[in-house]
């Protein structure tokens, strides 16, 4: 009878260890996906910032060109160059 209890205790321990291993694997996979998503978000933000800076430079060049055409003052062409 005691050998059955001992075997049952080992079985419970083995099940608990298996559950902990599966839980750890799931946690690390989830953490890996979270890190990858974080890198993607950072890249997207960097790309968005670069596009915004580019659009601002184009807007300033257009405004400078317009100012030069209206006034013939070459100082307005500084953003254009």
PDB file of N, CA and C in Angstrom:
ATOM      1  N   UNK A   1       0.806  -1.196   0.000  1.00  0.00           N
ATOM      2  CA  UNK A   1       0.000   0.000   0.000  1.00  0.00           C
ATOM      3  C   UNK A   1       0.858   1.272   0.000  1.00  0.00           C
ATOM      4  N   UNK A   2       1.941   1.207   0.777  1.00  0.00           N
ATOM      5  CA  UNK A   2       2.805   2.380   0.837  1.00  0.00           C
ATOM      6  C   UNK A   2       3.522   2.614  -0.476  1.00  0.00           C
ATOM      7  N   UNK A   3       3.830   1.592  -1.238  1.00  0.00           N
ATOM      8  CA  UNK A   3       4.494   1.774  -2.510  1.00  0.00           C
ATOM      9  C   UNK A   3       3.570   2.493  -3.502  1.00  0.00           C
ATOM     10  N   UNK A   4       2.239   2.212  -3.398  1.00  0.00           N
ATOM     11  CA  UNK A   4       1.288   2.934  -4.261  1.00  0.00           C
ATOM     12  C   UNK A   4       1.245   4.416  -3.907  1.00  0.00           C
ATOM     13  N   UNK A   5       1.310   4.726  -2.631  1.00  0.00           N
ATOM     14  CA  UNK A   5       1.314   6.130  -2.199  1.00  0.00           C
ATOM     15  C   UNK A   5       2.586   6.826  -2.692  1.00  0.00           C
ATOM     16  N   UNK A   6       3.688   6.111  -2.593  1.00  0.00           N
ATOM     17  CA  UNK A   6       4.949   6.682  -3.035  1.00  0.00           C
ATOM     18  C   UNK A   6       4.919   6.926  -4.545  1.00  0.00           C
ATOM     19  N   UNK A   7       4.400   5.987  -5.301  1.00  0.00           N
ATOM     20  CA  UNK A   7       4.290   6.137  -6.749  1.00  0.00           C
ATOM     21  C   UNK A   7       3.322   7.265  -7.083  1.00  0.00           C
ATOM     22  N   UNK A   8       2.207   7.333  -6.353  1.00  0.00           N
ATOM     23  CA  UNK A   8       1.232   8.410  -6.570  1.00  0.00           C
ATOM     24  C   UNK A   8       1.831   9.773  -6.262  1.00  0.00           C
ATOM     25  N   UNK A   9       2.639   9.861  -5.242  1.00  0.00           N
ATOM     26  CA  UNK A   9       3.307  11.115  -4.885  1.00  0.00           C
ATOM     27  C   UNK A   9       4.283  11.547  -5.959  1.00  0.00           C
ATOM     28  N   UNK A  10       5.020  10.562  -6.512  1.00  0.00           N
ATOM     29  CA  UNK A  10       5.943  10.873  -7.596  1.00  0.00           C
ATOM     30  C   UNK A  10       5.195  11.306  -8.858  1.00  0.00           C
ATOM     31  N   UNK A  11       4.059  10.684  -9.097  1.00  0.00           N
ATOM     32  CA  UNK A  11       3.259  11.042 -10.273  1.00  0.00           C
ATOM     33  C   UNK A  11       2.755  12.479 -10.152  1.00  0.00           C
ATOM     34  N   UNK A  12       2.286  12.836  -8.967  1.00  0.00           N
ATOM     35  CA  UNK A  12       1.818  14.217  -8.742  1.00  0.00           C
ATOM     36  C   UNK A  12       2.979  15.187  -8.918  1.00  0.00           C
ATOM     37  N   UNK A  13       4.130  14.836  -8.384  1.00  0.00           N
ATOM     38  CA  UNK A  13       5.306  15.681  -8.524  1.00  0.00           C
ATOM     39  C   UNK A  13       5.699  15.822  -9.997  1.00  0.00           C
ATOM     40  N   UNK A  14       5.652  14.730 -10.751  1.00  0.00           N
ATOM     41  CA  UNK A  14       5.985  14.768 -12.169  1.00  0.00           C
ATOM     42  C   UNK A  14       4.994  15.638 -12.943  1.00  0.00           C
ATOM     43  N   UNK A  15       3.713  15.542 -12.613  1.00  0.00           N
ATOM     44  CA  UNK A  15       2.698  16.370 -13.275  1.00  0.00           C
ATOM     45  C   UNK A  15       2.936  17.836 -12.966  1.00  0.00           C
ATOM     46  N   UNK A  16       3.249  18.146 -11.729  1.00  0.00           N
ATOM     47  CA  UNK A  16       3.511  19.540 -11.340  1.00  0.00           C
ATOM     48  C   UNK A  16       4.732  20.071 -12.089  1.00  0.00           C
ATOM     49  N   UNK A  17       5.786  19.261 -12.170  1.00  0.00           N
ATOM     50  CA  UNK A  17       6.979  19.686 -12.897  1.00  0.00           C
ATOM     51  C   UNK A  17       6.694  19.887 -14.382  1.00  0.00           C
ATOM     52  N   UNK A  18       5.891  19.015 -14.972  1.00  0.00           N
ATOM     53  CA  UNK A  18       5.517  19.172 -16.385  1.00  0.00           C
ATOM     54  C   UNK A  18       4.723  20.451 -16.609  1.00  0.00           C
ATOM     55  N   UNK A  19       3.793  20.719 -15.717  1.00  0.00           N
ATOM     56  CA  UNK A  19       2.988  21.939 -15.830  1.00  0.00           C
ATOM     57  C   UNK A  19       3.887  23.163 -15.715  1.00  0.00           C
ATOM     58  N   UNK A  20       4.833  23.131 -14.784  1.00  0.00           N
ATOM     59  CA  UNK A  20       5.758  24.261 -14.635  1.00  0.00           C
ATOM     60  C   UNK A  20       6.626  24.437 -15.879  1.00  0.00           C
ATOM     61  N   UNK A  21       7.086  23.343 -16.464  1.00  0.00           N
ATOM     62  CA  UNK A  21       7.897  23.442 -17.683  1.00  0.00           C
ATOM     63  C   UNK A  21       7.089  24.023 -18.838  1.00  0.00           C
ATOM     64  N   UNK A  22       5.877  23.526 -19.025  1.00  0.00           N
ATOM     65  CA  UNK A  22       5.024  24.036 -20.102  1.00  0.00           C
ATOM     66  C   UNK A  22       4.719  25.512 -19.878  1.00  0.00           C
ATOM     67  N   UNK A  23       4.442  25.878 -18.631  1.00  0.00           N
ATOM     68  CA  UNK A  23       4.154  27.278 -18.304  1.00  0.00           C
ATOM     69  C   UNK A  23       5.375  28.155 -18.579  1.00  0.00           C
ATOM     70  N   UNK A  24       6.562  27.667 -18.243  1.00  0.00           N
ATOM     71  CA  UNK A  24       7.782  28.444 -18.489  1.00  0.00           C
ATOM     72  C   UNK A  24       8.028  28.624 -19.981  1.00  0.00           C
ATOM     73  N   UNK A  25       7.821  27.562 -20.752  1.00  0.00           N
ATOM     74  CA  UNK A  25       8.001  27.660 -22.204  1.00  0.00           C
ATOM     75  C   UNK A  25       7.014  28.658 -22.795  1.00  0.00           C
ATOM     76  N   UNK A  26       5.757  28.582 -22.370  1.00  0.00           N
ATOM     77  CA  UNK A  26       4.744  29.522 -22.870  1.00  0.00           C
ATOM     78  C   UNK A  26       5.100  30.959 -22.491  1.00  0.00           C
ATOM     79  N   UNK A  27       5.602  31.145 -21.276  1.00  0.00           N
ATOM     80  CA  UNK A  27       5.980  32.488 -20.816  1.00  0.00           C
ATOM     81  C   UNK A  27       7.114  33.051 -21.669  1.00  0.00           C
ATOM     82  N   UNK A  28       8.150  32.245 -21.914  1.00  0.00           N
ATOM     83  CA  UNK A  28       9.290  32.745 -22.684  1.00  0.00           C
ATOM     84  C   UNK A  28       8.921  32.989 -24.139  1.00  0.00           C
ATOM     85  N   UNK A  29       8.053  32.171 -24.703  1.00  0.00           N
ATOM     86  CA  UNK A  29       7.598  32.435 -26.069  1.00  0.00           C
ATOM     87  C   UNK A  29       6.797  33.733 -26.130  1.00  0.00           C
ATOM     88  N   UNK A  30       5.961  33.931 -25.135  1.00  0.00           N
ATOM     89  CA  UNK A  30       5.171  35.163 -25.085  1.00  0.00           C
ATOM     90  C   UNK A  30       6.083  36.372 -24.913  1.00  0.00           C
ATOM     91  N   UNK A  31       7.079  36.235 -24.085  1.00  0.00           N
ATOM     92  CA  UNK A  31       8.043  37.322 -23.871  1.00  0.00           C
ATOM     93  C   UNK A  31       8.814  37.618 -25.150  1.00  0.00           C
ATOM     94  N   UNK A  32       9.180  36.581 -25.890  1.00  0.00           N
ATOM     95  CA  UNK A  32       9.883  36.759 -27.157  1.00  0.00           C
ATOM     96  C   UNK A  32       9.003  37.500 -28.166  1.00  0.00           C
ATOM     97  N   UNK A  33       7.733  37.125 -28.237  1.00  0.00           N
ATOM     98  CA  UNK A  33       6.821  37.824 -29.152  1.00  0.00           C
ATOM     99  C   UNK A  33       6.632  39.280 -28.734  1.00  0.00           C
ATOM    100  N   UNK A  34       6.584  39.529 -27.431  1.00  0.00           N
ATOM    101  CA  UNK A  34       6.454  40.900 -26.933  1.00  0.00           C
ATOM    102  C   UNK A  34       7.673  41.737 -27.298  1.00  0.00           C
ATOM    103  N   UNK A  35       8.858  41.155 -27.189  1.00  0.00           N
ATOM    104  CA  UNK A  35      10.075  41.886 -27.553  1.00  0.00           C
ATOM    105  C   UNK A  35      10.095  42.187 -29.050  1.00  0.00           C
ATOM    106  N   UNK A  36       9.667  41.228 -29.865  1.00  0.00           N
ATOM    107  CA  UNK A  36       9.628  41.446 -31.317  1.00  0.00           C
ATOM    108  C   UNK A  36       8.619  42.544 -31.665  1.00  0.00           C
ATOM    109  N   UNK A  37       7.466  42.525 -31.012  1.00  0.00           N
ATOM    110  CA  UNK A  37       6.459  43.563 -31.255  1.00  0.00           C
ATOM    111  C   UNK A  37       6.977  44.930 -30.825  1.00  0.00           C
ATOM    112  N   UNK A  38       7.716  44.963 -29.739  1.00  0.00           N
ATOM    113  CA  UNK A  38       8.286  46.223 -29.261  1.00  0.00           C
ATOM    114  C   UNK A  38       9.288  46.782 -30.268  1.00  0.00           C
ATOM    115  N   UNK A  39      10.104  45.900 -30.867  1.00  0.00           N
ATOM    116  CA  UNK A  39      11.048  46.344 -31.896  1.00  0.00           C
ATOM    117  C   UNK A  39      10.308  46.882 -33.114  1.00  0.00           C
ATOM    118  N   UNK A  40       9.225  46.221 -33.496  1.00  0.00           N
ATOM    119  CA  UNK A  40       8.440  46.685 -34.643  1.00  0.00           C
ATOM    120  C   UNK A  40       7.819  48.054 -34.378  1.00  0.00           C
ATOM    121  N   UNK A  41       7.333  48.260 -33.164  1.00  0.00           N
ATOM    122  CA  UNK A  41       6.735  49.551 -32.809  1.00  0.00           C
ATOM    123  C   UNK A  41       7.802  50.645 -32.838  1.00  0.00           C
ATOM    124  N   UNK A  42       8.979  50.351 -32.309  1.00  0.00           N
ATOM    125  CA  UNK A  42      10.060  51.348 -32.313  1.00  0.00           C
ATOM    126  C   UNK A  42      10.472  51.687 -33.746  1.00  0.00           C
ATOM    127  N   UNK A  43      10.546  50.682 -34.598  1.00  0.00           N
ATOM    128  CA  UNK A  43      10.904  50.929 -36.002  1.00  0.00           C
ATOM    129  C   UNK A  43       9.832  51.766 -36.685  1.00  0.00           C
ATOM    130  N   UNK A  44       8.581  51.464 -36.420  1.00  0.00           N
ATOM    131  CA  UNK A  44       7.479  52.224 -37.013  1.00  0.00           C
ATOM    132  C   UNK A  44       7.517  53.682 -36.553  1.00  0.00           C
ATOM    133  N   UNK A  45       7.777  53.908 -35.280  1.00  0.00           N
ATOM    134  CA  UNK A  45       7.860  55.278 -34.770  1.00  0.00           C
ATOM    135  C   UNK A  45       9.034  56.027 -35.390  1.00  0.00           C
ATOM    136  N   UNK A  46      10.155  55.343 -35.544  1.00  0.00           N
ATOM    137  CA  UNK A  46      11.324  55.983 -36.157  1.00  0.00           C
ATOM    138  C   UNK A  46      11.029  56.350 -37.615  1.00  0.00           C
ATOM    139  N   UNK A  47      10.396  55.446 -38.340  1.00  0.00           N
ATOM    140  CA  UNK A  47      10.042  55.716 -39.732  1.00  0.00           C
ATOM    141  C   UNK A  47       9.065  56.883 -39.818  1.00  0.00           C
ATOM    142  N   UNK A  48       8.088  56.892 -38.921  1.00  0.00           N
ATOM    143  CA  UNK A  48       7.107  57.981 -38.903  1.00  0.00           C
ATOM    144  C   UNK A  48       7.782  59.323 -38.621  1.00  0.00           C
ATOM    145  N   UNK A  49       8.730  59.351 -37.691  1.00  0.00           N
ATOM    146  CA  UNK A  49       9.444  60.592 -37.377  1.00  0.00           C
ATOM    147  C   UNK A  49      10.270  61.073 -38.565  1.00  0.00           C
ATOM    148  N   UNK A  50      10.923  60.135 -39.251  1.00  0.00           N
ATOM    149  CA  UNK A  50      11.699  60.519 -40.439  1.00  0.00           C
ATOM    150  C   UNK A  50      10.799  61.072 -41.543  1.00  0.00           C
ATOM    151  N   UNK A  51       9.651  60.446 -41.745  1.00  0.00           N
ATOM    152  CA  UNK A  51       8.713  60.948 -42.756  1.00  0.00           C
ATOM    153  C   UNK A  51       8.179  62.329 -42.392  1.00  0.00           C
ATOM    154  N   UNK A  52       7.915  62.538 -41.110  1.00  0.00           N
ATOM    155  CA  UNK A  52       7.428  63.856 -40.669  1.00  0.00           C
ATOM    156  C   UNK A  52       8.505  64.919 -40.892  1.00  0.00           C
ATOM    157  N   UNK A  53       9.757  64.588 -40.598  1.00  0.00           N
ATOM    158  CA  UNK A  53      10.850  65.548 -40.818  1.00  0.00           C
ATOM    159  C   UNK A  53      11.019  65.835 -42.308  1.00  0.00           C
ATOM    160  N   UNK A  54      10.892  64.805 -43.135  1.00  0.00           N
ATOM    161  CA  UNK A  54      10.993  64.991 -44.579  1.00  0.00           C
ATOM    162  C   UNK A  54       9.865  65.882 -45.095  1.00  0.00           C
ATOM    163  N   UNK A  55       8.652  65.620 -44.630  1.00  0.00           N
ATOM    164  CA  UNK A  55       7.511  66.436 -45.061  1.00  0.00           C
ATOM    165  C   UNK A  55       7.666  67.895 -44.619  1.00  0.00           C
ATOM    166  N   UNK A  56       8.223  68.100 -43.430  1.00  0.00           N
ATOM    167  CA  UNK A  56       8.444  69.461 -42.948  1.00  0.00           C
ATOM    168  C   UNK A  56       9.491  70.159 -43.816  1.00  0.00           C
ATOM    169  N   UNK A  57      10.536  69.444 -44.220  1.00  0.00           N
ATOM    170  CA  UNK A  57      11.567  70.033 -45.093  1.00  0.00           C
ATOM    171  C   UNK A  57      10.974  70.391 -46.451  1.00  0.00           C
ATOM    172  N   UNK A  58      10.123  69.526 -46.992  1.00  0.00           N
ATOM    173  CA  UNK A  58       9.480  69.814 -48.282  1.00  0.00           C
ATOM    174  C   UNK A  58       8.561  71.028 -48.148  1.00  0.00           C
ATOM    175  N   UNK A  59       7.820  71.091 -47.058  1.00  0.00           N
ATOM    176  CA  UNK A  59       6.919  72.228 -46.831  1.00  0.00           C
ATOM    177  C   UNK A  59       7.710  73.528 -46.719  1.00  0.00           C
ATOM    178  N   UNK A  60       8.821  73.491 -45.981  1.00  0.00           N
ATOM    179  CA  UNK A  60       9.650  74.696 -45.852  1.00  0.00           C
ATOM    180  C   UNK A  60      10.255  75.114 -47.192  1.00  0.00           C
ATOM    181  N   UNK A  61      10.673  74.148 -47.995  1.00  0.00           N
ATOM    182  CA  UNK A  61      11.232  74.475 -49.317  1.00  0.00           C
ATOM    183  C   UNK A  61      10.166  75.101 -50.209  1.00  0.00           C
ATOM    184  N   UNK A  62       8.958  74.551 -50.193  1.00  0.00           N
ATOM    185  CA  UNK A  62       7.871  75.116 -50.996  1.00  0.00           C
ATOM    186  C   UNK A  62       7.517  76.530 -50.531  1.00  0.00           C
ATOM    187  N   UNK A  63       7.491  76.713 -49.222  1.00  0.00           N
ATOM    188  CA  UNK A  63       7.178  78.036 -48.681  1.00  0.00           C
ATOM    189  C   UNK A  63       8.262  79.041 -49.055  1.00  0.00           C
ATOM    190  N   UNK A  64       9.527  78.603 -48.966  1.00  0.00           N
ATOM    191  CA  UNK A  64      10.628  79.482 -49.346  1.00  0.00           C
ATOM    192  C   UNK A  64      10.581  79.834 -50.820  1.00  0.00           C
ATOM    193  N   UNK A  65      10.273  78.873 -51.656  1.00  0.00           N
ATOM    194  CA  UNK A  65      10.158  79.130 -53.093  1.00  0.00           C
ATOM    195  C   UNK A  65       9.027  80.116 -53.375  1.00  0.00           C
ATOM    196  N   UNK A  66       7.930  79.911 -52.716  1.00  0.00           N
ATOM    197  CA  UNK A  66       6.790  80.820 -52.901  1.00  0.00           C
ATOM    198  C   UNK A  66       7.149  82.240 -52.461  1.00  0.00           C
ATOM    199  N   UNK A  67       7.852  82.348 -51.313  1.00  0.00           N
ATOM    200  CA  UNK A  67       8.273  83.669 -50.832  1.00  0.00           C
ATOM    201  C   UNK A  67       9.210  84.342 -51.818  1.00  0.00           C
ATOM    202  N   UNK A  68      10.122  83.568 -52.408  1.00  0.00           N
ATOM    203  CA  UNK A  68      11.051  84.142 -53.387  1.00  0.00           C
ATOM    204  C   UNK A  68      10.303  84.603 -54.638  1.00  0.00           C
ATOM    205  N   UNK A  69       9.376  83.782 -55.110  1.00  0.00           N
ATOM    206  CA  UNK A  69       8.631  84.168 -56.319  1.00  0.00           C
ATOM    207  C   UNK A  69       7.775  85.411 -56.086  1.00  0.00           C
ATOM    208  N   UNK A  70       7.292  85.583 -54.873  1.00  0.00           N
ATOM    209  CA  UNK A  70       6.438  86.749 -54.590  1.00  0.00           C
ATOM    210  C   UNK A  70       7.262  88.012 -54.361  1.00  0.00           C
ATOM    211  N   UNK A  71       8.472  87.869 -53.766  1.00  0.00           N
ATOM    212  CA  UNK A  71       9.229  89.062 -53.368  1.00  0.00           C
ATOM    213  C   UNK A  71      10.558  89.229 -54.098  1.00  0.00           C
ATOM    214  N   UNK A  72      11.050  88.219 -54.774  1.00  0.00           N
ATOM    215  CA  UNK A  72      12.361  88.207 -55.420  1.00  0.00           C
ATOM    216  C   UNK A  72      13.498  88.388 -54.419  1.00  0.00           C
ATOM    217  N   UNK A  73      13.243  88.077 -53.154  1.00  0.00           N
ATOM    218  CA  UNK A  73      14.261  88.159 -52.101  1.00  0.00           C
ATOM    219  C   UNK A  73      14.896  86.770 -51.966  1.00  0.00           C
ATOM    220  N   UNK A  74      16.193  86.667 -52.221  1.00  0.00           N
ATOM    221  CA  UNK A  74      16.874  85.363 -52.239  1.00  0.00           C
ATOM    222  C   UNK A  74      16.993  84.728 -50.846  1.00  0.00           C
ATOM    223  N   UNK A  75      16.751  85.482 -49.787  1.00  0.00           N
ATOM    224  CA  UNK A  75      16.786  84.910 -48.438  1.00  0.00           C
ATOM    225  C   UNK A  75      15.713  83.832 -48.268  1.00  0.00           C
ATOM    226  N   UNK A  76      14.638  83.939 -48.998  1.00  0.00           N
ATOM    227  CA  UNK A  76      13.556  82.943 -48.898  1.00  0.00           C
ATOM    228  C   UNK A  76      13.968  81.594 -49.477  1.00  0.00           C
ATOM    229  N   UNK A  77      15.030  81.561 -50.267  1.00  0.00           N
ATOM    230  CA  UNK A  77      15.459  80.311 -50.884  1.00  0.00           C
ATOM    231  C   UNK A  77      16.344  79.446 -49.975  1.00  0.00           C
ATOM    232  N   UNK A  78      16.700  79.940 -48.802  1.00  0.00           N
ATOM    233  CA  UNK A  78      17.570  79.167 -47.890  1.00  0.00           C
ATOM    234  C   UNK A  78      16.997  77.776 -47.571  1.00  0.00           C
ATOM    235  N   UNK A  79      15.710  77.658 -47.229  1.00  0.00           N
ATOM    236  CA  UNK A  79      15.191  76.308 -46.976  1.00  0.00           C
ATOM    237  C   UNK A  79      15.137  75.446 -48.243  1.00  0.00           C
ATOM    238  N   UNK A  80      15.037  76.102 -49.379  1.00  0.00           N
ATOM    239  CA  UNK A  80      14.955  75.381 -50.641  1.00  0.00           C
ATOM    240  C   UNK A  80      16.273  74.707 -50.967  1.00  0.00           C
ATOM    241  N   UNK A  81      17.369  75.373 -50.658  1.00  0.00           N
ATOM    242  CA  UNK A  81      18.698  74.823 -50.947  1.00  0.00           C
ATOM    243  C   UNK A  81      19.060  73.828 -49.882  1.00  0.00           C
TER     244      UNK A  81
END
